[in-house]
Amino acid sequence: MRIAVIDPFSGASGDMLLGALVDVGLAVEELSAQLAATLDLEGYRIVAEPVVRHGLRGTQVRVLVEEPQPARHWNDLRALLVSSALPPRVRQRALAVFQRLAEAEAHVHGVPVEQVHFHEVGAVDSIVDIVGVIWGFELLGVEEIACGPLPMSRGWVETAHGRLPVPAPATAALLASAAVPTVPIDIDAELVTPTGAALLVTLARFQWPPFRPERVGYGFGARELPWPNALRLWLGEASVVPPRPDEAELLLQTNLDDMNPQFVEPLVDRLFAAGALDVYLTPIVMKRSRPAVEVNVICRATDRPELERILFEHSTTFGVRALPIERRKLERRLVSIATRWGEVSVKLKIFGERVVDAVPEYRDCLAIHQRTGLPIHEIWSEARRLAEPLIGQRVPPEDLTARE
């Protein structure tokens, strides 16, 4: 399973996360083009620059705003995202991040969520940071995100509400809402921004996992500190280890016989965005021969409360079953295949220390199809043909590639 592991040794912000993603291989041009085509925002551009600070090389990303932007409330941001052409998973995750921010701001200022007025976070650069980070993880094929403890600094920060203590109240509320592990750090500076906190609290789990790192990148912030003001991000494969008790998995089930079928798709998207490992639907027939659908959600036991909340609030169900399950997951590894049209990632299925199957990644084949106009099945078949010599081999080294 493709995993991203974040080491926020000097804090976290939206631009630092975006810079780290670019540093491990996210193409700024592709991200910019996708955002321009799917999100109704204008008057900005994304600039990525290599930097070296305190002897450490990395990437700094800036969102340059070139036109005046309107003030935005939570309802404005929600309408912007709901009406966008973003992929469903990206859209739902972005909505979840802003929802957490709105709830934190409402708690801090003592107002209803609907009355929350975003200031710094409602600016176009923060919107691009949040949506860009979420889409960046998707474009890199990341299936799970883990994060280390966040540094807890002190001092003051200037905001639209005046001078406030560090961490900013919204940041503090976000960290408290998820019981995020923190470590003290002796500096008067804001290291974790509300945007960074909201992204990590929504997308990541704060447990350091066993994994095999394949790439590492650094995303730099704008502030100068006595050390590299950067966030480190690893891309790699999650290692297969016996689950600990706190990593137990459950199957949540509920039957829906009185819900508009059109409303099931956004329910599924929301469940995935909240951490579901898998969601599948089974057609069933209930009492009085009523047609219905059984919603099945495979999840970590620690994610059960949030997923049950979504099922109760966003469906017509009155009850949810929870069954403990055990799954055996084969090891997998991504390798790069060089086709005549470009690189395609291929997922190797490993059983008994041997490769038993090789499956080209759909997203890479789709990108080549969109660029060249070739039939996608032709691209997929060519990548599969080039990968077939790997089947039957012992587990390959990390740098294994196949060439035409």
Protein backbone atom coordinates (compact mmCIF):
# COMPACT_ATOMS: atom_id res chain seq x y z
CA MET A 1 0.00 0.00 0.00
CA ARG A 2 1.34 3.41 -1.01
CA ILE A 3 1.91 5.52 2.10
CA ALA A 4 3.06 9.07 2.85
CA VAL A 5 4.76 9.64 6.20
CA ILE A 6 5.12 13.23 7.41
CA ASP A 7 7.79 14.44 9.82
CA PRO A 8 6.74 17.98 10.87
CA PHE A 9 9.96 18.69 12.76
CA SER A 10 9.58 22.44 12.16
CA GLY A 11 5.80 22.65 11.99
CA ALA A 12 3.21 22.33 9.26
CA SER A 13 1.38 24.67 6.91
CA GLY A 14 -0.43 24.29 3.61
CA ASP A 15 2.45 25.64 1.54
CA MET A 16 5.01 23.44 3.35
CA LEU A 17 2.94 20.32 2.64
CA LEU A 18 2.51 21.35 -1.00
CA GLY A 19 6.25 22.03 -1.31
CA ALA A 20 7.10 18.60 0.11
CA LEU A 21 4.73 16.92 -2.37
CA VAL A 22 6.40 18.75 -5.25
CA ASP A 23 9.82 17.79 -3.88
CA VAL A 24 8.93 14.07 -4.04
CA GLY A 25 7.64 14.26 -7.60
CA LEU A 26 4.31 16.06 -7.87
CA ALA A 27 4.27 18.01 -11.16
CA VAL A 28 3.30 21.64 -10.52
CA GLU A 29 2.21 22.13 -14.13
CA GLU A 30 -0.19 19.17 -13.99
CA LEU A 31 -1.63 20.27 -10.65
CA SER A 32 -2.09 23.86 -11.86
CA ALA A 33 -3.84 22.71 -15.03
CA GLN A 34 -6.18 20.40 -13.10
CA LEU A 35 -7.09 23.11 -10.59
CA ALA A 36 -7.73 25.66 -13.34
CA ALA A 37 -10.01 23.22 -15.17
CA THR A 38 -12.09 22.16 -12.16
CA LEU A 39 -12.15 24.98 -9.59
CA ASP A 40 -13.79 28.36 -10.22
CA LEU A 41 -10.88 30.47 -8.96
CA GLU A 42 -8.95 33.05 -10.96
CA GLY A 43 -6.16 35.53 -10.50
CA TYR A 44 -3.47 33.28 -9.04
CA ARG A 45 -0.56 31.10 -10.09
CA ILE A 46 1.48 28.42 -8.33
CA VAL A 47 5.26 28.88 -8.28
CA ALA A 48 7.68 26.19 -7.07
CA GLU A 49 11.33 27.04 -6.47
CA PRO A 50 14.27 24.92 -5.27
CA VAL A 51 15.84 26.38 -2.12
CA VAL A 52 18.80 25.59 0.13
CA ARG A 53 18.66 26.74 3.75
CA HIS A 54 21.00 25.78 6.56
CA GLY A 55 22.58 23.25 4.21
CA LEU A 56 19.31 21.46 3.42
CA ARG A 57 17.83 21.37 -0.09
CA GLY A 58 14.10 21.35 -0.71
CA THR A 59 11.22 23.09 -2.50
CA GLN A 60 9.29 26.20 -1.59
CA VAL A 61 5.85 26.62 -3.14
CA ARG A 62 4.08 29.97 -3.23
CA VAL A 63 0.61 30.81 -4.47
CA LEU A 64 0.91 34.26 -6.03
CA VAL A 65 -2.37 36.19 -6.03
CA GLU A 66 -2.51 38.58 -8.98
CA GLU A 67 -6.09 39.91 -8.73
CA PRO A 68 -8.19 41.26 -5.84
CA GLN A 69 -10.20 38.50 -4.18
CA PRO A 70 -13.57 38.73 -2.38
CA ALA A 71 -13.99 38.00 1.32
CA ARG A 72 -15.39 34.50 1.81
CA HIS A 73 -17.62 32.97 4.44
CA TRP A 74 -17.99 29.25 5.13
CA ASN A 75 -21.12 29.12 2.95
CA ASP A 76 -19.17 30.73 0.08
CA LEU A 77 -16.39 28.15 0.32
CA ARG A 78 -18.85 25.28 0.56
CA ALA A 79 -20.71 26.49 -2.54
CA LEU A 80 -17.40 26.90 -4.40
CA LEU A 81 -16.38 23.31 -3.68
CA VAL A 82 -19.81 21.70 -4.16
CA SER A 83 -20.22 23.34 -7.58
CA SER A 84 -16.69 22.46 -8.69
CA ALA A 85 -15.70 19.72 -11.13
CA LEU A 86 -13.16 18.29 -8.68
CA PRO A 87 -13.00 14.48 -8.44
CA PRO A 88 -15.50 13.30 -5.80
CA ARG A 89 -12.85 12.09 -3.35
CA VAL A 90 -10.87 15.34 -3.60
CA ARG A 91 -14.03 17.42 -3.25
CA GLN A 92 -15.27 15.49 -0.20
CA ARG A 93 -11.90 15.69 1.53
CA ALA A 94 -11.63 19.41 0.86
CA LEU A 95 -15.12 19.90 2.28
CA ALA A 96 -14.12 17.87 5.34
CA VAL A 97 -11.03 20.05 5.92
CA PHE A 98 -13.00 23.29 5.68
CA GLN A 99 -15.77 21.84 7.84
CA ARG A 100 -13.23 21.16 10.59
CA LEU A 101 -11.86 24.67 10.22
CA ALA A 102 -15.35 26.16 10.40
CA GLU A 103 -16.18 24.14 13.51
CA ALA A 104 -12.91 25.21 15.18
CA GLU A 105 -13.50 28.89 14.35
CA ALA A 106 -17.10 28.67 15.55
CA HIS A 107 -15.97 27.14 18.85
CA VAL A 108 -13.27 29.78 19.38
CA HIS A 109 -15.49 32.78 18.59
CA GLY A 110 -18.71 31.44 20.09
CA VAL A 111 -20.82 31.71 16.93
CA PRO A 112 -22.80 29.17 14.85
CA VAL A 113 -20.84 27.43 12.11
CA GLU A 114 -22.99 29.11 9.44
CA GLN A 115 -21.81 32.54 10.63
CA VAL A 116 -18.10 31.76 10.48
CA HIS A 117 -16.19 34.29 8.39
CA PHE A 118 -12.87 32.99 7.11
CA HIS A 119 -10.13 35.59 6.95
CA GLU A 120 -6.65 34.21 6.27
CA VAL A 121 -7.99 30.71 5.51
CA GLY A 122 -10.62 32.06 3.12
CA ALA A 123 -7.98 33.70 0.95
CA VAL A 124 -7.35 32.18 -2.45
CA ASP A 125 -3.83 31.04 -1.54
CA SER A 126 -5.15 28.98 1.38
CA ILE A 127 -7.90 27.48 -0.78
CA VAL A 128 -5.34 26.47 -3.40
CA ASP A 129 -3.04 25.09 -0.68
CA ILE A 130 -5.78 22.90 0.80
CA VAL A 131 -7.24 21.60 -2.46
CA GLY A 132 -3.75 21.29 -3.99
CA VAL A 133 -2.41 19.20 -1.11
CA ILE A 134 -5.40 16.84 -1.21
CA TRP A 135 -5.18 16.44 -4.98
CA GLY A 136 -1.40 16.10 -4.78
CA PHE A 137 -1.69 13.04 -2.56
CA GLU A 138 -4.22 11.60 -5.03
CA LEU A 139 -1.97 12.22 -8.06
CA LEU A 140 0.92 10.48 -6.28
CA GLY A 141 -1.24 7.44 -5.59
CA VAL A 142 -1.07 7.79 -1.80
CA GLU A 143 -3.54 5.48 -0.04
CA GLU A 144 -2.63 6.28 3.57
CA ILE A 145 -1.09 9.26 5.37
CA ALA A 146 0.71 9.12 8.72
CA CYS A 147 2.21 11.97 10.72
CA GLY A 148 4.58 12.37 13.65
CA PRO A 149 4.01 14.67 16.66
CA LEU A 150 3.52 18.37 15.95
CA PRO A 151 5.84 20.94 17.58
CA MET A 152 4.15 23.17 20.17
CA SER A 153 5.77 26.63 20.13
CA ARG A 154 4.84 29.84 21.91
CA GLY A 155 4.62 33.56 21.21
CA TRP A 156 2.09 35.71 19.39
CA VAL A 157 0.60 35.90 15.91
CA GLU A 158 -1.09 38.83 14.17
CA THR A 159 -4.52 37.92 12.75
CA ALA A 160 -7.64 39.67 11.47
CA HIS A 161 -8.92 39.44 15.06
CA GLY A 162 -5.81 41.12 16.45
CA ARG A 163 -2.84 39.73 18.35
CA LEU A 164 -3.43 36.15 19.51
CA PRO A 165 -1.30 33.57 21.35
CA VAL A 166 0.53 30.77 19.57
CA PRO A 167 -0.75 28.24 18.70
CA ALA A 168 -3.56 30.34 17.25
CA PRO A 169 -6.88 29.53 18.97
CA ALA A 170 -8.28 27.80 15.87
CA THR A 171 -5.12 25.68 15.64
CA ALA A 172 -5.36 24.80 19.33
CA ALA A 173 -9.00 23.77 18.92
CA LEU A 174 -8.15 21.58 15.92
CA LEU A 175 -5.32 19.81 17.76
CA ALA A 176 -7.51 19.25 20.81
CA SER A 177 -10.38 17.88 18.71
CA ALA A 178 -8.22 14.95 17.59
CA ALA A 179 -5.96 14.61 20.67
CA VAL A 180 -2.96 15.22 18.40
CA PRO A 181 0.39 14.28 19.99
CA THR A 182 2.70 17.29 20.39
CA VAL A 183 6.25 18.04 21.52
CA PRO A 184 7.38 21.35 23.07
CA ILE A 185 9.85 23.49 21.13
CA ASP A 186 11.65 26.55 22.47
CA ILE A 187 10.92 29.35 20.01
CA ASP A 188 8.65 32.39 19.76
CA ALA A 189 7.05 31.70 16.37
CA GLU A 190 3.94 30.18 14.82
CA LEU A 191 5.03 26.78 13.48
CA VAL A 192 1.68 25.06 12.94
CA THR A 193 -0.92 27.10 11.05
CA PRO A 194 -4.68 26.50 11.09
CA THR A 195 -4.49 25.31 7.47
CA GLY A 196 -1.70 22.84 8.25
CA ALA A 197 -3.48 21.59 11.37
CA ALA A 198 -6.80 21.12 9.56
CA LEU A 199 -5.18 19.17 6.71
CA LEU A 200 -3.29 16.83 9.02
CA VAL A 201 -6.12 16.30 11.51
CA THR A 202 -8.48 15.43 8.64
CA LEU A 203 -6.21 13.36 6.40
CA ALA A 204 -3.58 11.72 8.61
CA ARG A 205 -3.35 9.34 11.52
CA PHE A 206 -0.84 10.25 14.20
CA GLN A 207 0.91 6.89 14.53
CA TRP A 208 4.36 6.26 13.11
CA PRO A 209 3.93 3.16 10.90
CA PRO A 210 6.39 0.52 9.71
CA PHE A 211 7.15 1.32 6.07
CA ARG A 212 9.84 1.12 3.39
CA PRO A 213 10.79 4.65 2.30
CA GLU A 214 11.40 5.11 -1.42
CA ARG A 215 11.52 8.90 -1.77
CA VAL A 216 11.96 11.79 0.64
CA GLY A 217 11.29 15.48 0.09
CA TYR A 218 11.34 18.74 2.01
CA GLY A 219 8.80 21.55 1.77
CA PHE A 220 10.04 24.92 3.06
CA GLY A 221 8.02 27.67 4.67
CA ALA A 222 8.61 31.38 4.16
CA ARG A 223 9.75 32.20 7.72
CA GLU A 224 13.46 32.23 8.55
CA LEU A 225 14.32 30.17 11.65
CA PRO A 226 17.60 29.17 13.35
CA TRP A 227 17.16 25.77 11.66
CA PRO A 228 15.67 24.58 8.35
CA ASN A 229 12.04 25.69 8.40
CA ALA A 230 10.83 22.65 6.51
CA LEU A 231 8.49 19.69 6.64
CA ARG A 232 9.85 16.28 5.65
CA LEU A 233 7.71 13.83 3.68
CA TRP A 234 8.50 10.24 2.80
CA LEU A 235 6.78 8.22 0.08
CA GLY A 236 6.99 4.47 0.36
CA GLU A 237 5.25 1.17 0.85
CA ALA A 238 3.60 0.18 4.10
CA SER A 239 5.26 -2.90 5.60
CA VAL A 240 3.17 -5.95 6.41
CA VAL A 241 3.24 -6.56 10.17
CA PRO A 242 0.81 -8.26 12.55
CA PRO A 243 -1.81 -5.69 13.64
CA ARG A 244 -1.63 -4.31 17.16
CA PRO A 245 -4.80 -4.33 19.28
CA ASP A 246 -5.36 -0.65 18.52
CA GLU A 247 -5.21 -1.44 14.79
CA ALA A 248 -8.07 -3.95 14.84
CA GLU A 249 -10.48 -3.75 11.92
CA LEU A 250 -14.27 -3.81 11.80
CA LEU A 251 -16.99 -4.35 9.24
CA LEU A 252 -19.79 -1.82 9.70
CA GLN A 253 -23.08 -2.74 8.03
CA THR A 254 -26.45 -1.08 7.62
CA ASN A 255 -29.49 -1.69 5.40
CA LEU A 256 -31.18 1.15 3.50
CA ASP A 257 -34.65 0.55 2.05
CA ASP A 258 -36.11 4.07 2.19
CA MET A 259 -33.29 6.26 0.87
CA ASN A 260 -33.09 7.90 -2.56
CA PRO A 261 -30.44 5.86 -4.45
CA GLN A 262 -28.98 9.11 -5.83
CA PHE A 263 -27.95 10.04 -2.29
CA VAL A 264 -25.88 6.89 -1.78
CA GLU A 265 -22.92 8.06 -3.91
CA PRO A 266 -22.14 11.15 -1.77
CA LEU A 267 -22.53 8.95 1.33
CA VAL A 268 -19.88 6.56 -0.01
CA ASP A 269 -17.57 9.46 -0.93
CA ARG A 270 -17.90 10.89 2.57
CA LEU A 271 -17.11 7.51 4.17
CA PHE A 272 -13.94 7.16 2.11
CA ALA A 273 -12.89 10.72 2.94
CA ALA A 274 -13.29 9.93 6.66
CA GLY A 275 -10.87 7.01 6.53
CA ALA A 276 -12.88 3.96 5.41
CA LEU A 277 -10.55 1.28 4.05
CA ASP A 278 -13.24 0.03 1.68
CA VAL A 279 -16.93 0.65 1.04
CA TYR A 280 -19.11 -1.64 -1.05
CA LEU A 281 -22.83 -1.97 -1.70
CA THR A 282 -24.86 -5.19 -1.87
CA PRO A 283 -28.41 -5.28 -3.31
CA ILE A 284 -30.76 -7.14 -0.95
CA VAL A 285 -34.50 -7.81 -0.51
CA MET A 286 -35.96 -7.01 2.91
CA LYS A 287 -39.28 -7.78 4.58
CA ARG A 288 -42.43 -7.22 2.53
CA SER A 289 -40.19 -7.80 -0.52
CA ARG A 290 -38.80 -4.27 -0.36
CA PRO A 291 -35.66 -3.79 -2.49
CA ALA A 292 -32.80 -2.32 -0.47
CA VAL A 293 -29.05 -1.85 -0.41
CA GLU A 294 -26.66 -3.07 2.27
CA VAL A 295 -23.82 -0.61 2.93
CA ASN A 296 -20.61 -2.37 4.01
CA VAL A 297 -17.75 -0.33 5.46
CA ILE A 298 -14.37 -1.89 6.31
CA CYS A 299 -12.51 0.35 8.73
CA ARG A 300 -10.00 0.60 11.55
CA ALA A 301 -11.63 0.26 14.95
CA THR A 302 -10.29 3.69 15.88
CA ASP A 303 -12.27 5.25 13.00
CA ARG A 304 -15.57 3.66 14.05
CA PRO A 305 -17.07 6.69 15.88
CA GLU A 306 -16.62 9.08 12.94
CA LEU A 307 -17.85 6.57 10.34
CA GLU A 308 -20.91 5.69 12.42
CA ARG A 309 -21.64 9.41 12.79
CA ILE A 310 -21.60 9.78 8.99
CA LEU A 311 -23.91 6.78 8.51
CA PHE A 312 -26.40 8.15 11.04
CA GLU A 313 -26.30 11.77 9.84
CA HIS A 314 -26.11 11.22 6.08
CA SER A 315 -28.37 8.21 5.56
CA THR A 316 -31.83 7.13 6.70
CA THR A 317 -30.57 4.28 8.89
CA PHE A 318 -31.52 3.88 12.55
CA GLY A 319 -28.88 1.25 13.36
CA VAL A 320 -25.39 0.05 12.42
CA ARG A 321 -23.94 -3.44 12.94
CA ALA A 322 -20.23 -3.77 13.85
CA LEU A 323 -18.42 -7.07 13.25
CA PRO A 324 -14.74 -7.71 14.09
CA ILE A 325 -12.85 -9.03 11.06
CA GLU A 326 -9.41 -10.30 10.12
CA ARG A 327 -7.88 -9.64 6.73
CA ARG A 328 -4.78 -11.09 5.15
CA LYS A 329 -3.18 -8.50 2.90
CA LEU A 330 -0.50 -9.46 0.42
CA GLU A 331 2.57 -7.31 0.09
CA ARG A 332 2.56 -5.02 -2.91
CA ARG A 333 5.17 -2.85 -4.55
CA LEU A 334 5.13 -0.21 -7.29
CA VAL A 335 7.71 -0.32 -10.06
CA SER A 336 8.13 1.98 -13.03
CA ILE A 337 7.63 0.67 -16.57
CA ALA A 338 9.00 2.75 -19.46
CA THR A 339 6.57 2.45 -22.38
CA ARG A 340 7.01 4.18 -25.73
CA TRP A 341 4.56 6.86 -24.51
CA GLY A 342 6.00 7.47 -21.06
CA GLU A 343 6.34 6.00 -17.57
CA VAL A 344 3.57 3.80 -16.13
CA SER A 345 3.56 2.59 -12.53
CA VAL A 346 2.81 -1.11 -12.17
CA LYS A 347 1.65 -2.67 -8.91
CA LEU A 348 3.34 -6.00 -8.17
CA LYS A 349 1.39 -8.55 -6.16
CA ILE A 350 3.79 -10.52 -3.93
CA PHE A 351 3.01 -13.89 -2.35
CA GLY A 352 5.55 -16.27 -0.83
CA GLU A 353 8.42 -13.91 -1.71
CA ARG A 354 7.54 -14.10 -5.40
CA VAL A 355 5.71 -11.80 -7.79
CA VAL A 356 2.44 -13.48 -8.77
CA ASP A 357 0.82 -10.65 -10.74
CA ALA A 358 1.57 -7.23 -12.21
CA VAL A 359 -1.19 -4.67 -12.72
CA PRO A 360 -0.65 -1.29 -14.47
CA GLU A 361 -1.94 1.72 -12.54
CA TYR A 362 -5.10 3.08 -14.13
CA ARG A 363 -4.29 6.74 -13.35
CA ASP A 364 -1.00 6.60 -15.27
CA CYS A 365 -2.65 4.92 -18.26
CA LEU A 366 -5.43 7.50 -18.17
CA ALA A 367 -2.92 10.37 -18.15
CA ILE A 368 -1.22 8.97 -21.28
CA HIS A 369 -4.63 8.39 -22.91
CA GLN A 370 -5.63 12.00 -22.26
CA ARG A 371 -2.32 13.28 -23.62
CA THR A 372 -2.08 11.08 -26.73
CA GLY A 373 -5.65 10.08 -27.55
CA LEU A 374 -4.65 6.41 -27.77
CA PRO A 375 -7.16 3.79 -26.58
CA ILE A 376 -6.61 3.26 -22.88
CA HIS A 377 -6.81 -0.54 -23.23
CA GLU A 378 -3.89 -0.40 -25.68
CA ILE A 379 -1.76 1.56 -23.20
CA TRP A 380 -2.72 -0.78 -20.33
CA SER A 381 -1.96 -3.90 -22.41
CA GLU A 382 1.44 -2.58 -23.47
CA ALA A 383 2.44 -1.80 -19.87
CA ARG A 384 1.19 -5.22 -18.79
CA ARG A 385 3.20 -6.93 -21.57
CA LEU A 386 6.39 -5.15 -20.51
CA ALA A 387 5.81 -6.09 -16.87
CA GLU A 388 5.09 -9.80 -17.49
CA PRO A 389 8.79 -10.86 -17.21
CA LEU A 390 8.64 -9.79 -13.55
CA ILE A 391 5.94 -12.38 -12.75
CA GLY A 392 7.47 -15.41 -11.06
CA GLN A 393 10.60 -13.56 -9.94
CA ARG A 394 11.60 -13.35 -6.32
CA VAL A 395 10.79 -10.06 -4.59
CA PRO A 396 12.72 -7.48 -6.64
CA PRO A 397 15.08 -4.86 -5.20
CA GLU A 398 13.70 -1.38 -4.59
CA ASP A 399 15.21 0.07 -7.76
CA LEU A 400 13.83 -2.62 -10.07
CA THR A 401 12.42 -1.24 -13.32
CA ALA A 402 11.44 -2.76 -16.65
CA ARG A 403 12.48 -1.15 -19.90
CA GLU A 404 11.12 -1.56 -23.40
